[in-house]
Amino acid sequence: MSNITQQISELAARKEVAQMHPGQKETLVPAAKLAKNKRLPATMITPGGHIEQSKKNKKGRAESAKKKKRSEIGKEKALERLERLQTKVGKDEERKAKRNRAKKAWE
């Protein structure tokens, strides 16, 4: 974890030293504009090297019909796999019980 924070601080230090044209140094982007930008990552690294969590509201995002269908299909497949696994485990347990009964009858 400390290695990651060290890398982030080095990156931030390099960004501060990087050459910029004079107009770029004074420019500050309002936080509201950053919050609306969907292309930004979930966590932001400030020039000082601090990690800031995203303040974006994820509730308002609508899921496309294609993604909904894909997730529904995935849920159905997961249920089918679960049922198959349950029957397989049940059969294995039955076989083990049958073997144990046969062992006890032999003794």
PDB file of N, CA and C in Angstrom:
ATOM      1  N   MET A   1       0.825  -1.192   0.000  1.00  0.00           N
ATOM      2  CA  MET A   1       0.000   0.000   0.000  1.00  0.00           C
ATOM      3  C   MET A   1       0.866   1.251   0.000  1.00  0.00           C
ATOM      4  N   SER A   2       1.941   1.242   0.824  1.00  0.00           N
ATOM      5  CA  SER A   2       2.817   2.410   0.891  1.00  0.00           C
ATOM      6  C   SER A   2       3.543   2.613  -0.435  1.00  0.00           C
ATOM      7  N   ASN A   3       3.817   1.523  -1.149  1.00  0.00           N
ATOM      8  CA  ASN A   3       4.473   1.615  -2.447  1.00  0.00           C
ATOM      9  C   ASN A   3       3.589   2.367  -3.435  1.00  0.00           C
ATOM     10  N   ILE A   4       2.308   2.100  -3.402  1.00  0.00           N
ATOM     11  CA  ILE A   4       1.366   2.759  -4.302  1.00  0.00           C
ATOM     12  C   ILE A   4       1.289   4.242  -3.985  1.00  0.00           C
ATOM     13  N   THR A   5       1.188   4.578  -2.699  1.00  0.00           N
ATOM     14  CA  THR A   5       1.119   5.995  -2.326  1.00  0.00           C
ATOM     15  C   THR A   5       2.408   6.708  -2.701  1.00  0.00           C
ATOM     16  N   GLN A   6       3.534   6.015  -2.602  1.00  0.00           N
ATOM     17  CA  GLN A   6       4.809   6.610  -2.988  1.00  0.00           C
ATOM     18  C   GLN A   6       4.823   6.888  -4.490  1.00  0.00           C
ATOM     19  N   GLN A   7       4.329   5.952  -5.284  1.00  0.00           N
ATOM     20  CA  GLN A   7       4.276   6.148  -6.732  1.00  0.00           C
ATOM     21  C   GLN A   7       3.359   7.306  -7.090  1.00  0.00           C
ATOM     22  N   ILE A   8       2.240   7.414  -6.384  1.00  0.00           N
ATOM     23  CA  ILE A   8       1.296   8.495  -6.650  1.00  0.00           C
ATOM     24  C   ILE A   8       1.928   9.838  -6.313  1.00  0.00           C
ATOM     25  N   SER A   9       2.626   9.905  -5.183  1.00  0.00           N
ATOM     26  CA  SER A   9       3.259  11.167  -4.807  1.00  0.00           C
ATOM     27  C   SER A   9       4.355  11.548  -5.803  1.00  0.00           C
ATOM     28  N   GLU A  10       5.119  10.559  -6.303  1.00  0.00           N
ATOM     29  CA  GLU A  10       6.133  10.839  -7.318  1.00  0.00           C
ATOM     30  C   GLU A  10       5.489  11.357  -8.601  1.00  0.00           C
ATOM     31  N   LEU A  11       4.372  10.758  -8.995  1.00  0.00           N
ATOM     32  CA  LEU A  11       3.659  11.191 -10.185  1.00  0.00           C
ATOM     33  C   LEU A  11       3.162  12.619 -10.024  1.00  0.00           C
ATOM     34  N   ALA A  12       2.604  12.922  -8.854  1.00  0.00           N
ATOM     35  CA  ALA A  12       2.108  14.269  -8.597  1.00  0.00           C
ATOM     36  C   ALA A  12       3.254  15.279  -8.615  1.00  0.00           C
ATOM     37  N   ALA A  13       4.408  14.905  -8.065  1.00  0.00           N
ATOM     38  CA  ALA A  13       5.564  15.801  -8.065  1.00  0.00           C
ATOM     39  C   ALA A  13       6.038  16.059  -9.493  1.00  0.00           C
ATOM     40  N   ARG A  14       6.042  15.027 -10.328  1.00  0.00           N
ATOM     41  CA  ARG A  14       6.438  15.199 -11.726  1.00  0.00           C
ATOM     42  C   ARG A  14       5.460  16.096 -12.461  1.00  0.00           C
ATOM     43  N   LYS A  15       4.172  15.980 -12.149  1.00  0.00           N
ATOM     44  CA  LYS A  15       3.170  16.816 -12.807  1.00  0.00           C
ATOM     45  C   LYS A  15       3.364  18.280 -12.444  1.00  0.00           C
ATOM     46  N   GLU A  16       3.738  18.548 -11.184  1.00  0.00           N
ATOM     47  CA  GLU A  16       3.950  19.925 -10.755  1.00  0.00           C
ATOM     48  C   GLU A  16       5.150  20.527 -11.466  1.00  0.00           C
ATOM     49  N   VAL A  17       6.178  19.720 -11.720  1.00  0.00           N
ATOM     50  CA  VAL A  17       7.412  20.208 -12.323  1.00  0.00           C
ATOM     51  C   VAL A  17       7.276  20.318 -13.842  1.00  0.00           C
ATOM     52  N   ALA A  18       6.348  19.576 -14.412  1.00  0.00           N
ATOM     53  CA  ALA A  18       6.201  19.532 -15.867  1.00  0.00           C
ATOM     54  C   ALA A  18       5.985  20.924 -16.433  1.00  0.00           C
ATOM     55  N   GLN A  19       6.519  21.135 -17.638  1.00  0.00           N
ATOM     56  CA  GLN A  19       6.410  22.454 -18.254  1.00  0.00           C
ATOM     57  C   GLN A  19       4.993  22.691 -18.729  1.00  0.00           C
ATOM     58  N   MET A  20       4.496  23.888 -18.426  1.00  0.00           N
ATOM     59  CA  MET A  20       3.161  24.275 -18.859  1.00  0.00           C
ATOM     60  C   MET A  20       3.237  25.684 -19.440  1.00  0.00           C
ATOM     61  N   HIS A  21       2.352  25.995 -20.341  1.00  0.00           N
ATOM     62  CA  HIS A  21       2.335  27.361 -20.854  1.00  0.00           C
ATOM     63  C   HIS A  21       1.701  28.271 -19.801  1.00  0.00           C
ATOM     64  N   PRO A  22       1.975  29.563 -19.841  1.00  0.00           N
ATOM     65  CA  PRO A  22       1.561  30.469 -18.751  1.00  0.00           C
ATOM     66  C   PRO A  22       0.064  30.465 -18.457  1.00  0.00           C
ATOM     67  N   GLY A  23      -0.776  30.320 -19.457  1.00  0.00           N
ATOM     68  CA  GLY A  23      -2.220  30.332 -19.222  1.00  0.00           C
ATOM     69  C   GLY A  23      -2.702  29.093 -18.491  1.00  0.00           C
ATOM     70  N   GLN A  24      -1.979  28.018 -18.600  1.00  0.00           N
ATOM     71  CA  GLN A  24      -2.388  26.751 -18.009  1.00  0.00           C
ATOM     72  C   GLN A  24      -2.160  26.720 -16.504  1.00  0.00           C
ATOM     73  N   LYS A  25      -1.182  27.466 -15.998  1.00  0.00           N
ATOM     74  CA  LYS A  25      -0.864  27.441 -14.578  1.00  0.00           C
ATOM     75  C   LYS A  25      -1.984  28.024 -13.726  1.00  0.00           C
ATOM     76  N   GLU A  26      -2.643  29.041 -14.219  1.00  0.00           N
ATOM     77  CA  GLU A  26      -3.641  29.761 -13.427  1.00  0.00           C
ATOM     78  C   GLU A  26      -5.041  29.159 -13.544  1.00  0.00           C
ATOM     79  N   THR A  27      -5.257  28.238 -14.459  1.00  0.00           N
ATOM     80  CA  THR A  27      -6.588  27.706 -14.720  1.00  0.00           C
ATOM     81  C   THR A  27      -7.021  26.734 -13.625  1.00  0.00           C
ATOM     82  N   LEU A  28      -8.191  26.974 -13.050  1.00  0.00           N
ATOM     83  CA  LEU A  28      -8.797  26.053 -12.088  1.00  0.00           C
ATOM     84  C   LEU A  28     -10.138  25.610 -12.649  1.00  0.00           C
ATOM     85  N   VAL A  29     -10.368  24.333 -12.660  1.00  0.00           N
ATOM     86  CA  VAL A  29     -11.628  23.800 -13.170  1.00  0.00           C
ATOM     87  C   VAL A  29     -12.592  23.675 -12.004  1.00  0.00           C
ATOM     88  N   PRO A  30     -13.825  24.189 -12.144  1.00  0.00           N
ATOM     89  CA  PRO A  30     -14.788  24.063 -11.037  1.00  0.00           C
ATOM     90  C   PRO A  30     -15.127  22.598 -10.748  1.00  0.00           C
ATOM     91  N   ALA A  31     -15.368  22.295  -9.487  1.00  0.00           N
ATOM     92  CA  ALA A  31     -15.653  20.917  -9.073  1.00  0.00           C
ATOM     93  C   ALA A  31     -16.923  20.383  -9.725  1.00  0.00           C
ATOM     94  N   ALA A  32     -17.914  21.255  -9.942  1.00  0.00           N
ATOM     95  CA  ALA A  32     -19.172  20.818 -10.559  1.00  0.00           C
ATOM     96  C   ALA A  32     -18.927  20.297 -11.974  1.00  0.00           C
ATOM     97  N   LYS A  33     -18.019  20.961 -12.683  1.00  0.00           N
ATOM     98  CA  LYS A  33     -17.711  20.537 -14.048  1.00  0.00           C
ATOM     99  C   LYS A  33     -17.005  19.179 -14.045  1.00  0.00           C
ATOM    100  N   LEU A  34     -16.118  18.985 -13.076  1.00  0.00           N
ATOM    101  CA  LEU A  34     -15.435  17.696 -12.961  1.00  0.00           C
ATOM    102  C   LEU A  34     -16.417  16.588 -12.604  1.00  0.00           C
ATOM    103  N   ALA A  35     -17.384  16.898 -11.741  1.00  0.00           N
ATOM    104  CA  ALA A  35     -18.353  15.892 -11.308  1.00  0.00           C
ATOM    105  C   ALA A  35     -19.240  15.436 -12.462  1.00  0.00           C
ATOM    106  N   LYS A  36     -19.498  16.336 -13.417  1.00  0.00           N
ATOM    107  CA  LYS A  36     -20.355  15.981 -14.550  1.00  0.00           C
ATOM    108  C   LYS A  36     -19.618  15.170 -15.613  1.00  0.00           C
ATOM    109  N   ASN A  37     -18.286  15.260 -15.628  1.00  0.00           N
ATOM    110  CA  ASN A  37     -17.500  14.583 -16.654  1.00  0.00           C
ATOM    111  C   ASN A  37     -17.504  13.079 -16.400  1.00  0.00           C
ATOM    112  N   LYS A  38     -18.113  12.313 -17.301  1.00  0.00           N
ATOM    113  CA  LYS A  38     -18.242  10.861 -17.116  1.00  0.00           C
ATOM    114  C   LYS A  38     -16.951  10.124 -17.444  1.00  0.00           C
ATOM    115  N   ARG A  39     -16.022  10.776 -18.122  1.00  0.00           N
ATOM    116  CA  ARG A  39     -14.795  10.096 -18.533  1.00  0.00           C
ATOM    117  C   ARG A  39     -13.735  10.071 -17.440  1.00  0.00           C
ATOM    118  N   LEU A  40     -13.924  10.857 -16.397  1.00  0.00           N
ATOM    119  CA  LEU A  40     -12.933  10.888 -15.327  1.00  0.00           C
ATOM    120  C   LEU A  40     -13.001   9.610 -14.504  1.00  0.00           C
ATOM    121  N   PRO A  41     -11.889   9.188 -13.943  1.00  0.00           N
ATOM    122  CA  PRO A  41     -11.899   7.974 -13.123  1.00  0.00           C
ATOM    123  C   PRO A  41     -12.635   8.172 -11.808  1.00  0.00           C
ATOM    124  N   ALA A  42     -12.884   7.074 -11.122  1.00  0.00           N
ATOM    125  CA  ALA A  42     -13.644   7.130  -9.871  1.00  0.00           C
ATOM    126  C   ALA A  42     -12.874   7.873  -8.795  1.00  0.00           C
ATOM    127  N   THR A  43     -11.550   7.740  -8.760  1.00  0.00           N
ATOM    128  CA  THR A  43     -10.753   8.467  -7.781  1.00  0.00           C
ATOM    129  C   THR A  43      -9.892   9.476  -8.517  1.00  0.00           C
ATOM    130  N   MET A  44      -9.702  10.615  -7.901  1.00  0.00           N
ATOM    131  CA  MET A  44      -8.908  11.664  -8.526  1.00  0.00           C
ATOM    132  C   MET A  44      -7.652  11.909  -7.699  1.00  0.00           C
ATOM    133  N   ILE A  45      -6.570  12.234  -8.369  1.00  0.00           N
ATOM    134  CA  ILE A  45      -5.312  12.552  -7.700  1.00  0.00           C
ATOM    135  C   ILE A  45      -5.104  14.051  -7.822  1.00  0.00           C
ATOM    136  N   THR A  46      -5.062  14.730  -6.697  1.00  0.00           N
ATOM    137  CA  THR A  46      -4.836  16.174  -6.691  1.00  0.00           C
ATOM    138  C   THR A  46      -3.364  16.448  -6.976  1.00  0.00           C
ATOM    139  N   PRO A  47      -3.031  17.656  -7.424  1.00  0.00           N
ATOM    140  CA  PRO A  47      -1.620  17.968  -7.690  1.00  0.00           C
ATOM    141  C   PRO A  47      -0.719  17.786  -6.470  1.00  0.00           C
ATOM    142  N   GLY A  48      -1.269  17.894  -5.271  1.00  0.00           N
ATOM    143  CA  GLY A  48      -0.489  17.680  -4.060  1.00  0.00           C
ATOM    144  C   GLY A  48      -0.204  16.214  -3.789  1.00  0.00           C
ATOM    145  N   GLY A  49      -0.804  15.317  -4.555  1.00  0.00           N
ATOM    146  CA  GLY A  49      -0.567  13.889  -4.390  1.00  0.00           C
ATOM    147  C   GLY A  49      -1.593  13.202  -3.513  1.00  0.00           C
ATOM    148  N   HIS A  50      -2.645  13.916  -3.122  1.00  0.00           N
ATOM    149  CA  HIS A  50      -3.676  13.315  -2.278  1.00  0.00           C
ATOM    150  C   HIS A  50      -4.702  12.603  -3.153  1.00  0.00           C
ATOM    151  N   ILE A  51      -5.231  11.501  -2.657  1.00  0.00           N
ATOM    152  CA  ILE A  51      -6.248  10.745  -3.388  1.00  0.00           C
ATOM    153  C   ILE A  51      -7.613  11.208  -2.905  1.00  0.00           C
ATOM    154  N   GLU A  52      -8.451  11.607  -3.847  1.00  0.00           N
ATOM    155  CA  GLU A  52      -9.776  12.116  -3.498  1.00  0.00           C
ATOM    156  C   GLU A  52     -10.829  11.207  -4.120  1.00  0.00           C
ATOM    157  N   GLN A  53     -11.765  10.744  -3.317  1.00  0.00           N
ATOM    158  CA  GLN A  53     -12.824   9.870  -3.821  1.00  0.00           C
ATOM    159  C   GLN A  53     -13.769  10.656  -4.727  1.00  0.00           C
ATOM    160  N   SER A  54     -14.358   9.977  -5.680  1.00  0.00           N
ATOM    161  CA  SER A  54     -15.281  10.604  -6.609  1.00  0.00           C
ATOM    162  C   SER A  54     -16.556  11.020  -5.890  1.00  0.00           C
ATOM    163  N   LYS A  55     -17.085  12.164  -6.300  1.00  0.00           N
ATOM    164  CA  LYS A  55     -18.333  12.649  -5.718  1.00  0.00           C
ATOM    165  C   LYS A  55     -19.484  12.503  -6.713  1.00  0.00           C
ATOM    166  N   LYS A  56     -19.268  11.662  -7.706  1.00  0.00           N
ATOM    167  CA  LYS A  56     -20.292  11.483  -8.736  1.00  0.00           C
ATOM    168  C   LYS A  56     -21.462  10.670  -8.196  1.00  0.00           C
ATOM    169  N   ASN A  57     -22.646  11.028  -8.631  1.00  0.00           N
ATOM    170  CA  ASN A  57     -23.849  10.317  -8.220  1.00  0.00           C
ATOM    171  C   ASN A  57     -24.104   9.192  -9.211  1.00  0.00           C
ATOM    172  N   LYS A  58     -23.996   7.956  -8.757  1.00  0.00           N
ATOM    173  CA  LYS A  58     -24.144   6.813  -9.657  1.00  0.00           C
ATOM    174  C   LYS A  58     -25.594   6.344  -9.766  1.00  0.00           C
ATOM    175  N   LYS A  59     -26.477   6.927  -8.966  1.00  0.00           N
ATOM    176  CA  LYS A  59     -27.872   6.481  -8.989  1.00  0.00           C
ATOM    177  C   LYS A  59     -28.588   6.950 -10.251  1.00  0.00           C
ATOM    178  N   GLY A  60     -28.187   8.075 -10.796  1.00  0.00           N
ATOM    179  CA  GLY A  60     -28.892   8.665 -11.919  1.00  0.00           C
ATOM    180  C   GLY A  60     -28.592   8.022 -13.255  1.00  0.00           C
ATOM    181  N   ARG A  61     -27.600   7.168 -13.312  1.00  0.00           N
ATOM    182  CA  ARG A  61     -27.220   6.574 -14.587  1.00  0.00           C
ATOM    183  C   ARG A  61     -28.205   5.484 -14.993  1.00  0.00           C
ATOM    184  N   ALA A  62     -28.690   5.579 -16.204  1.00  0.00           N
ATOM    185  CA  ALA A  62     -29.634   4.580 -16.702  1.00  0.00           C
ATOM    186  C   ALA A  62     -28.861   3.444 -17.353  1.00  0.00           C
ATOM    187  N   GLU A  63     -29.358   2.235 -17.189  1.00  0.00           N
ATOM    188  CA  GLU A  63     -28.718   1.069 -17.783  1.00  0.00           C
ATOM    189  C   GLU A  63     -29.371   0.799 -19.136  1.00  0.00           C
ATOM    190  N   SER A  64     -28.568   0.552 -20.139  1.00  0.00           N
ATOM    191  CA  SER A  64     -29.107   0.322 -21.472  1.00  0.00           C
ATOM    192  C   SER A  64     -29.860  -1.008 -21.509  1.00  0.00           C
ATOM    193  N   ALA A  65     -30.735  -1.135 -22.499  1.00  0.00           N
ATOM    194  CA  ALA A  65     -31.543  -2.351 -22.641  1.00  0.00           C
ATOM    195  C   ALA A  65     -30.649  -3.563 -22.887  1.00  0.00           C
ATOM    196  N   LYS A  66     -29.566  -3.351 -23.628  1.00  0.00           N
ATOM    197  CA  LYS A  66     -28.649  -4.450 -23.931  1.00  0.00           C
ATOM    198  C   LYS A  66     -27.976  -4.957 -22.657  1.00  0.00           C
ATOM    199  N   LYS A  67     -27.557  -4.027 -21.799  1.00  0.00           N
ATOM    200  CA  LYS A  67     -26.912  -4.425 -20.544  1.00  0.00           C
ATOM    201  C   LYS A  67     -27.904  -5.123 -19.622  1.00  0.00           C
ATOM    202  N   LYS A  68     -29.147  -4.617 -19.580  1.00  0.00           N
ATOM    203  CA  LYS A  68     -30.175  -5.249 -18.742  1.00  0.00           C
ATOM    204  C   LYS A  68     -30.409  -6.691 -19.188  1.00  0.00           C
ATOM    205  N   LYS A  69     -30.548  -6.876 -20.497  1.00  0.00           N
ATOM    206  CA  LYS A  69     -30.794  -8.212 -21.037  1.00  0.00           C
ATOM    207  C   LYS A  69     -29.628  -9.143 -20.715  1.00  0.00           C
ATOM    208  N   ARG A  70     -28.402  -8.617 -20.868  1.00  0.00           N
ATOM    209  CA  ARG A  70     -27.209  -9.420 -20.598  1.00  0.00           C
ATOM    210  C   ARG A  70     -27.152  -9.835 -19.130  1.00  0.00           C
ATOM    211  N   SER A  71     -27.485  -8.898 -18.238  1.00  0.00           N
ATOM    212  CA  SER A  71     -27.437  -9.228 -16.809  1.00  0.00           C
ATOM    213  C   SER A  71     -28.533 -10.227 -16.443  1.00  0.00           C
ATOM    214  N   GLU A  72     -29.710 -10.104 -17.064  1.00  0.00           N
ATOM    215  CA  GLU A  72     -30.791 -11.062 -16.800  1.00  0.00           C
ATOM    216  C   GLU A  72     -30.395 -12.465 -17.270  1.00  0.00           C
ATOM    217  N   ILE A  73     -29.785 -12.533 -18.446  1.00  0.00           N
ATOM    218  CA  ILE A  73     -29.336 -13.830 -18.964  1.00  0.00           C
ATOM    219  C   ILE A  73     -28.289 -14.422 -18.031  1.00  0.00           C
ATOM    220  N   GLY A  74     -27.390 -13.580 -17.538  1.00  0.00           N
ATOM    221  CA  GLY A  74     -26.363 -14.042 -16.603  1.00  0.00           C
ATOM    222  C   GLY A  74     -26.958 -14.579 -15.320  1.00  0.00           C
ATOM    223  N   LYS A  75     -27.995 -13.895 -14.815  1.00  0.00           N
ATOM    224  CA  LYS A  75     -28.659 -14.363 -13.588  1.00  0.00           C
ATOM    225  C   LYS A  75     -29.332 -15.717 -13.811  1.00  0.00           C
ATOM    226  N   GLU A  76     -29.988 -15.855 -14.965  1.00  0.00           N
ATOM    227  CA  GLU A  76     -30.650 -17.125 -15.280  1.00  0.00           C
ATOM    228  C   GLU A  76     -29.632 -18.268 -15.368  1.00  0.00           C
ATOM    229  N   LYS A  77     -28.508 -17.997 -16.041  1.00  0.00           N
ATOM    230  CA  LYS A  77     -27.473 -19.031 -16.166  1.00  0.00           C
ATOM    231  C   LYS A  77     -26.901 -19.398 -14.803  1.00  0.00           C
ATOM    232  N   ALA A  78     -26.742 -18.396 -13.943  1.00  0.00           N
ATOM    233  CA  ALA A  78     -26.212 -18.661 -12.598  1.00  0.00           C
ATOM    234  C   ALA A  78     -27.167 -19.552 -11.816  1.00  0.00           C
ATOM    235  N   LEU A  79     -28.482 -19.306 -11.947  1.00  0.00           N
ATOM    236  CA  LEU A  79     -29.471 -20.145 -11.265  1.00  0.00           C
ATOM    237  C   LEU A  79     -29.427 -21.581 -11.790  1.00  0.00           C
ATOM    238  N   GLU A  80     -29.308 -21.717 -13.117  1.00  0.00           N
ATOM    239  CA  GLU A  80     -29.225 -23.062 -13.699  1.00  0.00           C
ATOM    240  C   GLU A  80     -27.996 -23.807 -13.188  1.00  0.00           C
ATOM    241  N   ARG A  81     -26.845 -23.107 -13.140  1.00  0.00           N
ATOM    242  CA  ARG A  81     -25.616 -23.733 -12.640  1.00  0.00           C
ATOM    243  C   ARG A  81     -25.757 -24.131 -11.183  1.00  0.00           C
ATOM    244  N   LEU A  82     -26.412 -23.285 -10.402  1.00  0.00           N
ATOM    245  CA  LEU A  82     -26.620 -23.574  -8.984  1.00  0.00           C
ATOM    246  C   LEU A  82     -27.468 -24.831  -8.814  1.00  0.00           C
ATOM    247  N   GLU A  83     -28.540 -24.946  -9.612  1.00  0.00           N
ATOM    248  CA  GLU A  83     -29.400 -26.135  -9.542  1.00  0.00           C
ATOM    249  C   GLU A  83     -28.615 -27.394  -9.922  1.00  0.00           C
ATOM    250  N   ARG A  84     -27.804 -27.293 -10.998  1.00  0.00           N
ATOM    251  CA  ARG A  84     -27.006 -28.442 -11.424  1.00  0.00           C
ATOM    252  C   ARG A  84     -26.018 -28.862 -10.346  1.00  0.00           C
ATOM    253  N   LEU A  85     -25.399 -27.876  -9.719  1.00  0.00           N
ATOM    254  CA  LEU A  85     -24.435 -28.163  -8.660  1.00  0.00           C
ATOM    255  C   LEU A  85     -25.122 -28.817  -7.466  1.00  0.00           C
ATOM    256  N   GLN A  86     -26.315 -28.332  -7.122  1.00  0.00           N
ATOM    257  CA  GLN A  86     -27.051 -28.917  -5.998  1.00  0.00           C
ATOM    258  C   GLN A  86     -27.401 -30.373  -6.272  1.00  0.00           C
ATOM    259  N   THR A  87     -27.855 -30.675  -7.486  1.00  0.00           N
ATOM    260  CA  THR A  87     -28.190 -32.068  -7.805  1.00  0.00           C
ATOM    261  C   THR A  87     -26.941 -32.941  -7.793  1.00  0.00           C
ATOM    262  N   LYS A  88     -25.836 -32.395  -8.302  1.00  0.00           N
ATOM    263  CA  LYS A  88     -24.580 -33.153  -8.319  1.00  0.00           C
ATOM    264  C   LYS A  88     -24.112 -33.452  -6.899  1.00  0.00           C
ATOM    265  N   VAL A  89     -24.167 -32.454  -6.022  1.00  0.00           N
ATOM    266  CA  VAL A  89     -23.753 -32.644  -4.629  1.00  0.00           C
ATOM    267  C   VAL A  89     -24.679 -33.643  -3.942  1.00  0.00           C
ATOM    268  N   GLY A  90     -25.982 -33.554  -4.232  1.00  0.00           N
ATOM    269  CA  GLY A  90     -26.937 -34.499  -3.648  1.00  0.00           C
ATOM    270  C   GLY A  90     -26.639 -35.929  -4.060  1.00  0.00           C
ATOM    271  N   LYS A  91     -26.330 -36.130  -5.348  1.00  0.00           N
ATOM    272  CA  LYS A  91     -25.995 -37.473  -5.827  1.00  0.00           C
ATOM    273  C   LYS A  91     -24.720 -37.994  -5.177  1.00  0.00           C
ATOM    274  N   ASP A  92     -23.719 -37.119  -5.043  1.00  0.00           N
ATOM    275  CA  ASP A  92     -22.462 -37.525  -4.392  1.00  0.00           C
ATOM    276  C   ASP A  92     -22.709 -37.948  -2.949  1.00  0.00           C
ATOM    277  N   GLU A  93     -23.527 -37.179  -2.242  1.00  0.00           N
ATOM    278  CA  GLU A  93     -23.830 -37.514  -0.843  1.00  0.00           C
ATOM    279  C   GLU A  93     -24.576 -38.843  -0.746  1.00  0.00           C
ATOM    280  N   GLU A  94     -25.494 -39.082  -1.695  1.00  0.00           N
ATOM    281  CA  GLU A  94     -26.222 -40.354  -1.708  1.00  0.00           C
ATOM    282  C   GLU A  94     -25.258 -41.527  -1.911  1.00  0.00           C
ATOM    283  N   ARG A  95     -24.299 -41.361  -2.853  1.00  0.00           N
ATOM    284  CA  ARG A  95     -23.316 -42.416  -3.105  1.00  0.00           C
ATOM    285  C   ARG A  95     -22.460 -42.683  -1.870  1.00  0.00           C
ATOM    286  N   LYS A  96     -22.036 -41.613  -1.196  1.00  0.00           N
ATOM    287  CA  LYS A  96     -21.223 -41.775   0.017  1.00  0.00           C
ATOM    288  C   LYS A  96     -22.009 -42.505   1.104  1.00  0.00           C
ATOM    289  N   ALA A  97     -23.281 -42.121   1.271  1.00  0.00           N
ATOM    290  CA  ALA A  97     -24.113 -42.773   2.282  1.00  0.00           C
ATOM    291  C   ALA A  97     -24.305 -44.252   1.942  1.00  0.00           C
ATOM    292  N   LYS A  98     -24.499 -44.543   0.658  1.00  0.00           N
ATOM    293  CA  LYS A  98     -24.676 -45.927   0.220  1.00  0.00           C
ATOM    294  C   LYS A  98     -23.417 -46.747   0.501  1.00  0.00           C
ATOM    295  N   ARG A  99     -22.230 -46.149   0.208  1.00  0.00           N
ATOM    296  CA  ARG A  99     -20.967 -46.836   0.490  1.00  0.00           C
ATOM    297  C   ARG A  99     -20.799 -47.093   1.981  1.00  0.00           C
ATOM    298  N   ASN A 100     -21.124 -46.089   2.785  1.00  0.00           N
ATOM    299  CA  ASN A 100     -21.002 -46.246   4.244  1.00  0.00           C
ATOM    300  C   ASN A 100     -21.928 -47.341   4.768  1.00  0.00           C
ATOM    301  N   ARG A 101     -23.156 -47.400   4.232  1.00  0.00           N
ATOM    302  CA  ARG A 101     -24.093 -48.454   4.646  1.00  0.00           C
ATOM    303  C   ARG A 101     -23.549 -49.825   4.269  1.00  0.00           C
ATOM    304  N   ALA A 102     -22.977 -49.924   3.077  1.00  0.00           N
ATOM    305  CA  ALA A 102     -22.409 -51.201   2.623  1.00  0.00           C
ATOM    306  C   ALA A 102     -21.228 -51.607   3.497  1.00  0.00           C
ATOM    307  N   LYS A 103     -20.390 -50.639   3.889  1.00  0.00           N
ATOM    308  CA  LYS A 103     -19.254 -50.934   4.769  1.00  0.00           C
ATOM    309  C   LYS A 103     -19.740 -51.464   6.107  1.00  0.00           C
ATOM    310  N   LYS A 104     -20.743 -50.784   6.665  1.00  0.00           N
ATOM    311  CA  LYS A 104     -21.273 -51.199   7.974  1.00  0.00           C
ATOM    312  C   LYS A 104     -21.911 -52.580   7.890  1.00  0.00           C
ATOM    313  N   ALA A 105     -22.587 -52.881   6.781  1.00  0.00           N
ATOM    314  CA  ALA A 105     -23.213 -54.190   6.617  1.00  0.00           C
ATOM    315  C   ALA A 105     -22.147 -55.280   6.480  1.00  0.00           C
ATOM    316  N   TRP A 106     -21.034 -54.980   5.883  1.00  0.00           N
ATOM    317  CA  TRP A 106     -19.956 -55.940   5.691  1.00  0.00           C
ATOM    318  C   TRP A 106     -19.268 -56.273   7.002  1.00  0.00           C
ATOM    319  N   GLU A 107     -19.165 -55.249   7.877  1.00  0.00           N
ATOM    320  CA  GLU A 107     -18.475 -55.460   9.157  1.00  0.00           C
ATOM    321  C   GLU A 107     -19.324 -56.190  10.118  1.00  0.00           C
TER     322      GLU A 107
END
